[in-house]
Amino acid sequence: MYLEIVSPEATLFEGEVTSVSVPGVQGSFQVLNNHAPIVSSLSVGKAKIVGKLDIATEFQPQFEQNGDETSIALANGGTLEMNDNKVILFVD
């Protein structure tokens, strides 16, 4: 599935990933390929992404990479939208 991570300042990442796990306001959940369409508010925490992420140098300090798993802190929560195998993760 295709993931786009967007902040108010810039698009932090765009590319193919295997899964995205996030802290939803009503509990954590994971989206995989062919997931049903969803829009959800996110709580403070970390979004975990599985896949090979090639992150631009200027945005690398916002991410933690450990093998095939990458996480980004959601200091103020955020929003996730999944539709047609495209995930858009809005972060502050």
PDB file of N, CA and C in Angstrom:
ATOM      1  N   MET A   1       0.841  -1.172   0.000  1.00  0.00           N
ATOM      2  CA  MET A   1       0.000   0.000   0.000  1.00  0.00           C
ATOM      3  C   MET A   1       0.891   1.241   0.000  1.00  0.00           C
ATOM      4  N   TYR A   2       0.333   2.334  -0.395  1.00  0.00           N
ATOM      5  CA  TYR A   2       1.064   3.581  -0.532  1.00  0.00           C
ATOM      6  C   TYR A   2       0.820   4.450   0.702  1.00  0.00           C
ATOM      7  N   LEU A   3       1.884   5.002   1.265  1.00  0.00           N
ATOM      8  CA  LEU A   3       1.789   5.843   2.453  1.00  0.00           C
ATOM      9  C   LEU A   3       2.319   7.234   2.150  1.00  0.00           C
ATOM     10  N   GLU A   4       1.585   8.220   2.625  1.00  0.00           N
ATOM     11  CA  GLU A   4       2.029   9.606   2.557  1.00  0.00           C
ATOM     12  C   GLU A   4       1.944  10.169   3.978  1.00  0.00           C
ATOM     13  N   ILE A   5       3.071  10.706   4.478  1.00  0.00           N
ATOM     14  CA  ILE A   5       3.097  11.329   5.798  1.00  0.00           C
ATOM     15  C   ILE A   5       3.242  12.828   5.582  1.00  0.00           C
ATOM     16  N   VAL A   6       2.246  13.574   6.075  1.00  0.00           N
ATOM     17  CA  VAL A   6       2.168  15.011   5.811  1.00  0.00           C
ATOM     18  C   VAL A   6       2.140  15.782   7.123  1.00  0.00           C
ATOM     19  N   SER A   7       2.973  16.822   7.210  1.00  0.00           N
ATOM     20  CA  SER A   7       2.938  17.749   8.339  1.00  0.00           C
ATOM     21  C   SER A   7       2.494  19.100   7.797  1.00  0.00           C
ATOM     22  N   PRO A   8       2.205  20.058   8.663  1.00  0.00           N
ATOM     23  CA  PRO A   8       1.813  21.387   8.161  1.00  0.00           C
ATOM     24  C   PRO A   8       2.895  22.043   7.307  1.00  0.00           C
ATOM     25  N   GLU A   9       4.153  21.679   7.523  1.00  0.00           N
ATOM     26  CA  GLU A   9       5.253  22.305   6.808  1.00  0.00           C
ATOM     27  C   GLU A   9       5.618  21.618   5.497  1.00  0.00           C
ATOM     28  N   ALA A  10       5.476  20.280   5.442  1.00  0.00           N
ATOM     29  CA  ALA A  10       5.980  19.552   4.272  1.00  0.00           C
ATOM     30  C   ALA A  10       5.440  18.126   4.239  1.00  0.00           C
ATOM     31  N   THR A  11       5.627  17.481   3.099  1.00  0.00           N
ATOM     32  CA  THR A  11       5.378  16.048   2.986  1.00  0.00           C
ATOM     33  C   THR A  11       6.662  15.365   3.441  1.00  0.00           C
ATOM     34  N   LEU A  12       6.581  14.590   4.530  1.00  0.00           N
ATOM     35  CA  LEU A  12       7.750  13.977   5.138  1.00  0.00           C
ATOM     36  C   LEU A  12       8.172  12.684   4.460  1.00  0.00           C
ATOM     37  N   PHE A  13       7.194  11.948   3.900  1.00  0.00           N
ATOM     38  CA  PHE A  13       7.500  10.670   3.245  1.00  0.00           C
ATOM     39  C   PHE A  13       6.385  10.320   2.278  1.00  0.00           C
ATOM     40  N   GLU A  14       6.754   9.691   1.171  1.00  0.00           N
ATOM     41  CA  GLU A  14       5.812   9.105   0.220  1.00  0.00           C
ATOM     42  C   GLU A  14       6.430   7.820  -0.304  1.00  0.00           C
ATOM     43  N   GLY A  15       5.674   6.721  -0.265  1.00  0.00           N
ATOM     44  CA  GLY A  15       6.190   5.476  -0.807  1.00  0.00           C
ATOM     45  C   GLY A  15       5.395   4.265  -0.360  1.00  0.00           C
ATOM     46  N   GLU A  16       5.809   3.108  -0.858  1.00  0.00           N
ATOM     47  CA  GLU A  16       5.159   1.840  -0.557  1.00  0.00           C
ATOM     48  C   GLU A  16       5.612   1.304   0.798  1.00  0.00           C
ATOM     49  N   VAL A  17       4.662   0.792   1.578  1.00  0.00           N
ATOM     50  CA  VAL A  17       4.940   0.185   2.882  1.00  0.00           C
ATOM     51  C   VAL A  17       4.101  -1.081   3.035  1.00  0.00           C
ATOM     52  N   THR A  18       4.419  -1.863   4.057  1.00  0.00           N
ATOM     53  CA  THR A  18       3.690  -3.109   4.330  1.00  0.00           C
ATOM     54  C   THR A  18       2.530  -2.889   5.291  1.00  0.00           C
ATOM     55  N   SER A  19       2.765  -2.113   6.373  1.00  0.00           N
ATOM     56  CA  SER A  19       1.709  -1.872   7.349  1.00  0.00           C
ATOM     57  C   SER A  19       1.970  -0.574   8.101  1.00  0.00           C
ATOM     58  N   VAL A  20       0.893  -0.046   8.698  1.00  0.00           N
ATOM     59  CA  VAL A  20       0.972   1.159   9.522  1.00  0.00           C
ATOM     60  C   VAL A  20       0.162   0.886  10.794  1.00  0.00           C
ATOM     61  N   SER A  21       0.795   1.055  11.960  1.00  0.00           N
ATOM     62  CA  SER A  21       0.121   0.895  13.250  1.00  0.00           C
ATOM     63  C   SER A  21       0.104   2.249  13.943  1.00  0.00           C
ATOM     64  N   VAL A  22      -1.052   2.643  14.451  1.00  0.00           N
ATOM     65  CA  VAL A  22      -1.214   3.977  15.038  1.00  0.00           C
ATOM     66  C   VAL A  22      -2.026   3.918  16.333  1.00  0.00           C
ATOM     67  N   PRO A  23      -1.837   4.940  17.201  1.00  0.00           N
ATOM     68  CA  PRO A  23      -2.635   5.031  18.422  1.00  0.00           C
ATOM     69  C   PRO A  23      -3.926   5.818  18.167  1.00  0.00           C
ATOM     70  N   GLY A  24      -4.995   5.139  17.835  1.00  0.00           N
ATOM     71  CA  GLY A  24      -6.279   5.805  17.630  1.00  0.00           C
ATOM     72  C   GLY A  24      -6.855   6.304  18.941  1.00  0.00           C
ATOM     73  N   VAL A  25      -7.749   7.268  18.887  1.00  0.00           N
ATOM     74  CA  VAL A  25      -8.325   7.813  20.123  1.00  0.00           C
ATOM     75  C   VAL A  25      -9.159   6.771  20.862  1.00  0.00           C
ATOM     76  N   GLN A  26      -9.647   5.752  20.160  1.00  0.00           N
ATOM     77  CA  GLN A  26     -10.423   4.693  20.809  1.00  0.00           C
ATOM     78  C   GLN A  26      -9.637   3.388  20.891  1.00  0.00           C
ATOM     79  N   GLY A  27      -8.327   3.488  20.729  1.00  0.00           N
ATOM     80  CA  GLY A  27      -7.471   2.312  20.818  1.00  0.00           C
ATOM     81  C   GLY A  27      -6.571   2.183  19.603  1.00  0.00           C
ATOM     82  N   SER A  28      -5.449   1.527  19.796  1.00  0.00           N
ATOM     83  CA  SER A  28      -4.492   1.343  18.709  1.00  0.00           C
ATOM     84  C   SER A  28      -5.052   0.405  17.655  1.00  0.00           C
ATOM     85  N   PHE A  29      -4.634   0.634  16.400  1.00  0.00           N
ATOM     86  CA  PHE A  29      -5.039  -0.248  15.311  1.00  0.00           C
ATOM     87  C   PHE A  29      -3.990  -0.248  14.220  1.00  0.00           C
ATOM     88  N   GLN A  30      -4.098  -1.231  13.336  1.00  0.00           N
ATOM     89  CA  GLN A  30      -3.152  -1.405  12.240  1.00  0.00           C
ATOM     90  C   GLN A  30      -3.911  -1.449  10.928  1.00  0.00           C
ATOM     91  N   VAL A  31      -3.339  -0.847   9.894  1.00  0.00           N
ATOM     92  CA  VAL A  31      -3.921  -0.958   8.554  1.00  0.00           C
ATOM     93  C   VAL A  31      -2.939  -1.700   7.664  1.00  0.00           C
ATOM     94  N   LEU A  32      -3.490  -2.584   6.853  1.00  0.00           N
ATOM     95  CA  LEU A  32      -2.731  -3.383   5.900  1.00  0.00           C
ATOM     96  C   LEU A  32      -3.314  -3.163   4.515  1.00  0.00           C
ATOM     97  N   ASN A  33      -2.666  -3.727   3.507  1.00  0.00           N
ATOM     98  CA  ASN A  33      -3.163  -3.645   2.149  1.00  0.00           C
ATOM     99  C   ASN A  33      -4.615  -4.123   2.071  1.00  0.00           C
ATOM    100  N   ASN A  34      -5.435  -3.451   1.308  1.00  0.00           N
ATOM    101  CA  ASN A  34      -6.855  -3.768   1.100  1.00  0.00           C
ATOM    102  C   ASN A  34      -7.718  -3.548   2.335  1.00  0.00           C
ATOM    103  N   HIS A  35      -7.266  -2.727   3.270  1.00  0.00           N
ATOM    104  CA  HIS A  35      -8.066  -2.384   4.450  1.00  0.00           C
ATOM    105  C   HIS A  35      -9.290  -1.583   4.000  1.00  0.00           C
ATOM    106  N   ALA A  36     -10.379  -1.722   4.708  1.00  0.00           N
ATOM    107  CA  ALA A  36     -11.590  -0.945   4.418  1.00  0.00           C
ATOM    108  C   ALA A  36     -11.288   0.546   4.594  1.00  0.00           C
ATOM    109  N   PRO A  37     -11.982   1.399   3.852  1.00  0.00           N
ATOM    110  CA  PRO A  37     -11.777   2.845   4.013  1.00  0.00           C
ATOM    111  C   PRO A  37     -12.051   3.268   5.454  1.00  0.00           C
ATOM    112  N   ILE A  38     -11.207   4.171   5.962  1.00  0.00           N
ATOM    113  CA  ILE A  38     -11.347   4.633   7.338  1.00  0.00           C
ATOM    114  C   ILE A  38     -10.730   6.029   7.467  1.00  0.00           C
ATOM    115  N   VAL A  39     -11.313   6.831   8.336  1.00  0.00           N
ATOM    116  CA  VAL A  39     -10.726   8.100   8.766  1.00  0.00           C
ATOM    117  C   VAL A  39     -10.775   8.068  10.282  1.00  0.00           C
ATOM    118  N   SER A  40      -9.633   8.356  10.924  1.00  0.00           N
ATOM    119  CA  SER A  40      -9.581   8.267  12.377  1.00  0.00           C
ATOM    120  C   SER A  40      -8.701   9.369  12.959  1.00  0.00           C
ATOM    121  N   SER A  41      -9.121   9.895  14.106  1.00  0.00           N
ATOM    122  CA  SER A  41      -8.281  10.806  14.883  1.00  0.00           C
ATOM    123  C   SER A  41      -7.294   9.965  15.669  1.00  0.00           C
ATOM    124  N   LEU A  42      -6.087  10.509  15.848  1.00  0.00           N
ATOM    125  CA  LEU A  42      -5.034   9.777  16.537  1.00  0.00           C
ATOM    126  C   LEU A  42      -4.657  10.467  17.835  1.00  0.00           C
ATOM    127  N   SER A  43      -4.277   9.655  18.812  1.00  0.00           N
ATOM    128  CA  SER A  43      -3.818  10.150  20.110  1.00  0.00           C
ATOM    129  C   SER A  43      -2.322  10.421  20.063  1.00  0.00           C
ATOM    130  N   VAL A  44      -1.833  11.045  21.113  1.00  0.00           N
ATOM    131  CA  VAL A  44      -0.398  11.223  21.284  1.00  0.00           C
ATOM    132  C   VAL A  44       0.237   9.841  21.404  1.00  0.00           C
ATOM    133  N   GLY A  45       1.356   9.639  20.760  1.00  0.00           N
ATOM    134  CA  GLY A  45       2.047   8.357  20.798  1.00  0.00           C
ATOM    135  C   GLY A  45       2.968   8.225  19.606  1.00  0.00           C
ATOM    136  N   LYS A  46       3.151   6.987  19.141  1.00  0.00           N
ATOM    137  CA  LYS A  46       4.013   6.738  17.992  1.00  0.00           C
ATOM    138  C   LYS A  46       3.270   5.963  16.924  1.00  0.00           C
ATOM    139  N   ALA A  47       3.483   6.369  15.680  1.00  0.00           N
ATOM    140  CA  ALA A  47       3.009   5.593  14.541  1.00  0.00           C
ATOM    141  C   ALA A  47       4.161   4.691  14.118  1.00  0.00           C
ATOM    142  N   LYS A  48       3.873   3.404  13.916  1.00  0.00           N
ATOM    143  CA  LYS A  48       4.902   2.451  13.509  1.00  0.00           C
ATOM    144  C   LYS A  48       4.618   1.989  12.090  1.00  0.00           C
ATOM    145  N   ILE A  49       5.636   2.065  11.254  1.00  0.00           N
ATOM    146  CA  ILE A  49       5.495   1.732   9.842  1.00  0.00           C
ATOM    147  C   ILE A  49       6.454   0.593   9.528  1.00  0.00           C
ATOM    148  N   VAL A  50       5.947  -0.449   8.863  1.00  0.00           N
ATOM    149  CA  VAL A  50       6.796  -1.562   8.445  1.00  0.00           C
ATOM    150  C   VAL A  50       6.998  -1.451   6.946  1.00  0.00           C
ATOM    151  N   GLY A  51       8.251  -1.468   6.536  1.00  0.00           N
ATOM    152  CA  GLY A  51       8.623  -1.348   5.134  1.00  0.00           C
ATOM    153  C   GLY A  51       9.944  -0.614   5.045  1.00  0.00           C
ATOM    154  N   LYS A  52      10.533  -0.621   3.883  1.00  0.00           N
ATOM    155  CA  LYS A  52      11.799   0.096   3.661  1.00  0.00           C
ATOM    156  C   LYS A  52      11.491   1.546   3.351  1.00  0.00           C
ATOM    157  N   LEU A  53      11.747   2.442   4.294  1.00  0.00           N
ATOM    158  CA  LEU A  53      11.487   3.864   4.098  1.00  0.00           C
ATOM    159  C   LEU A  53      12.773   4.587   3.752  1.00  0.00           C
ATOM    160  N   ASP A  54      12.757   5.304   2.651  1.00  0.00           N
ATOM    161  CA  ASP A  54      13.875   6.149   2.251  1.00  0.00           C
ATOM    162  C   ASP A  54      13.475   7.580   2.591  1.00  0.00           C
ATOM    163  N   ILE A  55      13.912   8.040   3.738  1.00  0.00           N
ATOM    164  CA  ILE A  55      13.493   9.339   4.262  1.00  0.00           C
ATOM    165  C   ILE A  55      14.532  10.393   3.900  1.00  0.00           C
ATOM    166  N   ALA A  56      14.060  11.522   3.409  1.00  0.00           N
ATOM    167  CA  ALA A  56      14.952  12.621   3.051  1.00  0.00           C
ATOM    168  C   ALA A  56      15.765  13.050   4.274  1.00  0.00           C
ATOM    169  N   THR A  57      16.999  13.428   4.042  1.00  0.00           N
ATOM    170  CA  THR A  57      17.932  13.782   5.115  1.00  0.00           C
ATOM    171  C   THR A  57      17.371  14.823   6.076  1.00  0.00           C
ATOM    172  N   GLU A  58      16.702  15.842   5.560  1.00  0.00           N
ATOM    173  CA  GLU A  58      16.212  16.918   6.430  1.00  0.00           C
ATOM    174  C   GLU A  58      15.094  16.471   7.368  1.00  0.00           C
ATOM    175  N   PHE A  59      14.432  15.335   7.064  1.00  0.00           N
ATOM    176  CA  PHE A  59      13.330  14.859   7.908  1.00  0.00           C
ATOM    177  C   PHE A  59      13.732  13.686   8.808  1.00  0.00           C
ATOM    178  N   GLN A  60      14.933  13.140   8.639  1.00  0.00           N
ATOM    179  CA  GLN A  60      15.359  11.976   9.408  1.00  0.00           C
ATOM    180  C   GLN A  60      15.321  12.165  10.919  1.00  0.00           C
ATOM    181  N   PRO A  61      15.595  13.375  11.466  1.00  0.00           N
ATOM    182  CA  PRO A  61      15.524  13.528  12.929  1.00  0.00           C
ATOM    183  C   PRO A  61      14.132  13.269  13.515  1.00  0.00           C
ATOM    184  N   GLN A  62      13.084  13.338  12.706  1.00  0.00           N
ATOM    185  CA  GLN A  62      11.723  13.110  13.201  1.00  0.00           C
ATOM    186  C   GLN A  62      11.363  11.631  13.255  1.00  0.00           C
ATOM    187  N   PHE A  63      12.207  10.772  12.685  1.00  0.00           N
ATOM    188  CA  PHE A  63      11.921   9.343  12.588  1.00  0.00           C
ATOM    189  C   PHE A  63      12.932   8.530  13.385  1.00  0.00           C
ATOM    190  N   GLU A  64      12.495   7.355  13.857  1.00  0.00           N
ATOM    191  CA  GLU A  64      13.376   6.363  14.467  1.00  0.00           C
ATOM    192  C   GLU A  64      13.307   5.130  13.588  1.00  0.00           C
ATOM    193  N   GLN A  65      14.469   4.659  13.115  1.00  0.00           N
ATOM    194  CA  GLN A  65      14.481   3.476  12.263  1.00  0.00           C
ATOM    195  C   GLN A  65      15.173   2.326  12.972  1.00  0.00           C
ATOM    196  N   ASN A  66      14.559   1.138  12.865  1.00  0.00           N
ATOM    197  CA  ASN A  66      15.105  -0.071  13.455  1.00  0.00           C
ATOM    198  C   ASN A  66      14.808  -1.217  12.495  1.00  0.00           C
ATOM    199  N   GLY A  67      15.735  -1.498  11.601  1.00  0.00           N
ATOM    200  CA  GLY A  67      15.517  -2.533  10.598  1.00  0.00           C
ATOM    201  C   GLY A  67      14.421  -2.120   9.637  1.00  0.00           C
ATOM    202  N   ASP A  68      13.413  -2.981   9.472  1.00  0.00           N
ATOM    203  CA  ASP A  68      12.289  -2.688   8.577  1.00  0.00           C
ATOM    204  C   ASP A  68      11.183  -1.909   9.271  1.00  0.00           C
ATOM    205  N   GLU A  69      11.354  -1.577  10.547  1.00  0.00           N
ATOM    206  CA  GLU A  69      10.321  -0.834  11.261  1.00  0.00           C
ATOM    207  C   GLU A  69      10.790   0.592  11.518  1.00  0.00           C
ATOM    208  N   THR A  70       9.928   1.542  11.213  1.00  0.00           N
ATOM    209  CA  THR A  70      10.216   2.960  11.414  1.00  0.00           C
ATOM    210  C   THR A  70       9.076   3.543  12.234  1.00  0.00           C
ATOM    211  N   SER A  71       9.396   4.437  13.148  1.00  0.00           N
ATOM    212  CA  SER A  71       8.337   5.092  13.912  1.00  0.00           C
ATOM    213  C   SER A  71       8.523   6.599  13.848  1.00  0.00           C
ATOM    214  N   ILE A  72       7.393   7.289  14.010  1.00  0.00           N
ATOM    215  CA  ILE A  72       7.385   8.742  14.068  1.00  0.00           C
ATOM    216  C   ILE A  72       6.514   9.132  15.247  1.00  0.00           C
ATOM    217  N   ALA A  73       7.003  10.082  16.043  1.00  0.00           N
ATOM    218  CA  ALA A  73       6.259  10.535  17.220  1.00  0.00           C
ATOM    219  C   ALA A  73       5.082  11.398  16.799  1.00  0.00           C
ATOM    220  N   LEU A  74       3.941  11.160  17.434  1.00  0.00           N
ATOM    221  CA  LEU A  74       2.742  11.976  17.230  1.00  0.00           C
ATOM    222  C   LEU A  74       2.567  12.819  18.480  1.00  0.00           C
ATOM    223  N   ALA A  75       3.349  13.887  18.579  1.00  0.00           N
ATOM    224  CA  ALA A  75       3.382  14.715  19.793  1.00  0.00           C
ATOM    225  C   ALA A  75       2.036  15.374  20.084  1.00  0.00           C
ATOM    226  N   ASN A  76       1.280  15.686  19.045  1.00  0.00           N
ATOM    227  CA  ASN A  76      -0.035  16.317  19.213  1.00  0.00           C
ATOM    228  C   ASN A  76      -1.147  15.473  18.606  1.00  0.00           C
ATOM    229  N   GLY A  77      -0.905  14.183  18.465  1.00  0.00           N
ATOM    230  CA  GLY A  77      -1.890  13.332  17.813  1.00  0.00           C
ATOM    231  C   GLY A  77      -1.802  13.500  16.312  1.00  0.00           C
ATOM    232  N   GLY A  78      -2.917  13.350  15.643  1.00  0.00           N
ATOM    233  CA  GLY A  78      -2.943  13.469  14.191  1.00  0.00           C
ATOM    234  C   GLY A  78      -4.207  12.863  13.632  1.00  0.00           C
ATOM    235  N   THR A  79      -4.178  12.591  12.332  1.00  0.00           N
ATOM    236  CA  THR A  79      -5.320  11.999  11.637  1.00  0.00           C
ATOM    237  C   THR A  79      -4.794  10.999  10.620  1.00  0.00           C
ATOM    238  N   LEU A  80      -5.515   9.901  10.452  1.00  0.00           N
ATOM    239  CA  LEU A  80      -5.174   8.903   9.449  1.00  0.00           C
ATOM    240  C   LEU A  80      -6.367   8.705   8.538  1.00  0.00           C
ATOM    241  N   GLU A  81      -6.096   8.646   7.242  1.00  0.00           N
ATOM    242  CA  GLU A  81      -7.128   8.316   6.254  1.00  0.00           C
ATOM    243  C   GLU A  81      -6.607   7.169   5.407  1.00  0.00           C
ATOM    244  N   MET A  82      -7.435   6.127   5.234  1.00  0.00           N
ATOM    245  CA  MET A  82      -7.107   4.979   4.384  1.00  0.00           C
ATOM    246  C   MET A  82      -8.206   4.832   3.361  1.00  0.00           C
ATOM    247  N   ASN A  83      -7.822   4.808   2.073  1.00  0.00           N
ATOM    248  CA  ASN A  83      -8.803   4.636   1.003  1.00  0.00           C
ATOM    249  C   ASN A  83      -8.080   4.138  -0.247  1.00  0.00           C
ATOM    250  N   ASP A  84      -8.588   3.090  -0.855  1.00  0.00           N
ATOM    251  CA  ASP A  84      -8.023   2.535  -2.095  1.00  0.00           C
ATOM    252  C   ASP A  84      -6.532   2.246  -1.975  1.00  0.00           C
ATOM    253  N   ASN A  85      -6.138   1.571  -0.893  1.00  0.00           N
ATOM    254  CA  ASN A  85      -4.747   1.192  -0.649  1.00  0.00           C
ATOM    255  C   ASN A  85      -3.789   2.377  -0.571  1.00  0.00           C
ATOM    256  N   LYS A  86      -4.304   3.537  -0.192  1.00  0.00           N
ATOM    257  CA  LYS A  86      -3.472   4.714   0.051  1.00  0.00           C
ATOM    258  C   LYS A  86      -3.769   5.213   1.456  1.00  0.00           C
ATOM    259  N   VAL A  87      -2.708   5.353   2.254  1.00  0.00           N
ATOM    260  CA  VAL A  87      -2.821   5.863   3.615  1.00  0.00           C
ATOM    261  C   VAL A  87      -2.224   7.263   3.632  1.00  0.00           C
ATOM    262  N   ILE A  88      -2.958   8.203   4.187  1.00  0.00           N
ATOM    263  CA  ILE A  88      -2.423   9.535   4.416  1.00  0.00           C
ATOM    264  C   ILE A  88      -2.404   9.745   5.924  1.00  0.00           C
ATOM    265  N   LEU A  89      -1.220  10.002   6.449  1.00  0.00           N
ATOM    266  CA  LEU A  89      -1.022  10.222   7.878  1.00  0.00           C
ATOM    267  C   LEU A  89      -0.688  11.701   8.071  1.00  0.00           C
ATOM    268  N   PHE A  90      -1.606  12.425   8.697  1.00  0.00           N
ATOM    269  CA  PHE A  90      -1.415  13.844   8.978  1.00  0.00           C
ATOM    270  C   PHE A  90      -0.853  13.977  10.381  1.00  0.00           C
ATOM    271  N   VAL A  91       0.338  14.580  10.511  1.00  0.00           N
ATOM    272  CA  VAL A  91       1.000  14.726  11.805  1.00  0.00           C
ATOM    273  C   VAL A  91       1.301  16.192  12.067  1.00  0.00           C
ATOM    274  N   ASP A  92       1.384  16.561  13.357  1.00  0.00           N
ATOM    275  CA  ASP A  92       1.751  17.937  13.734  1.00  0.00           C
ATOM    276  C   ASP A  92       3.190  17.993  14.172  1.00  0.00           C
TER     277      ASP A  92
END
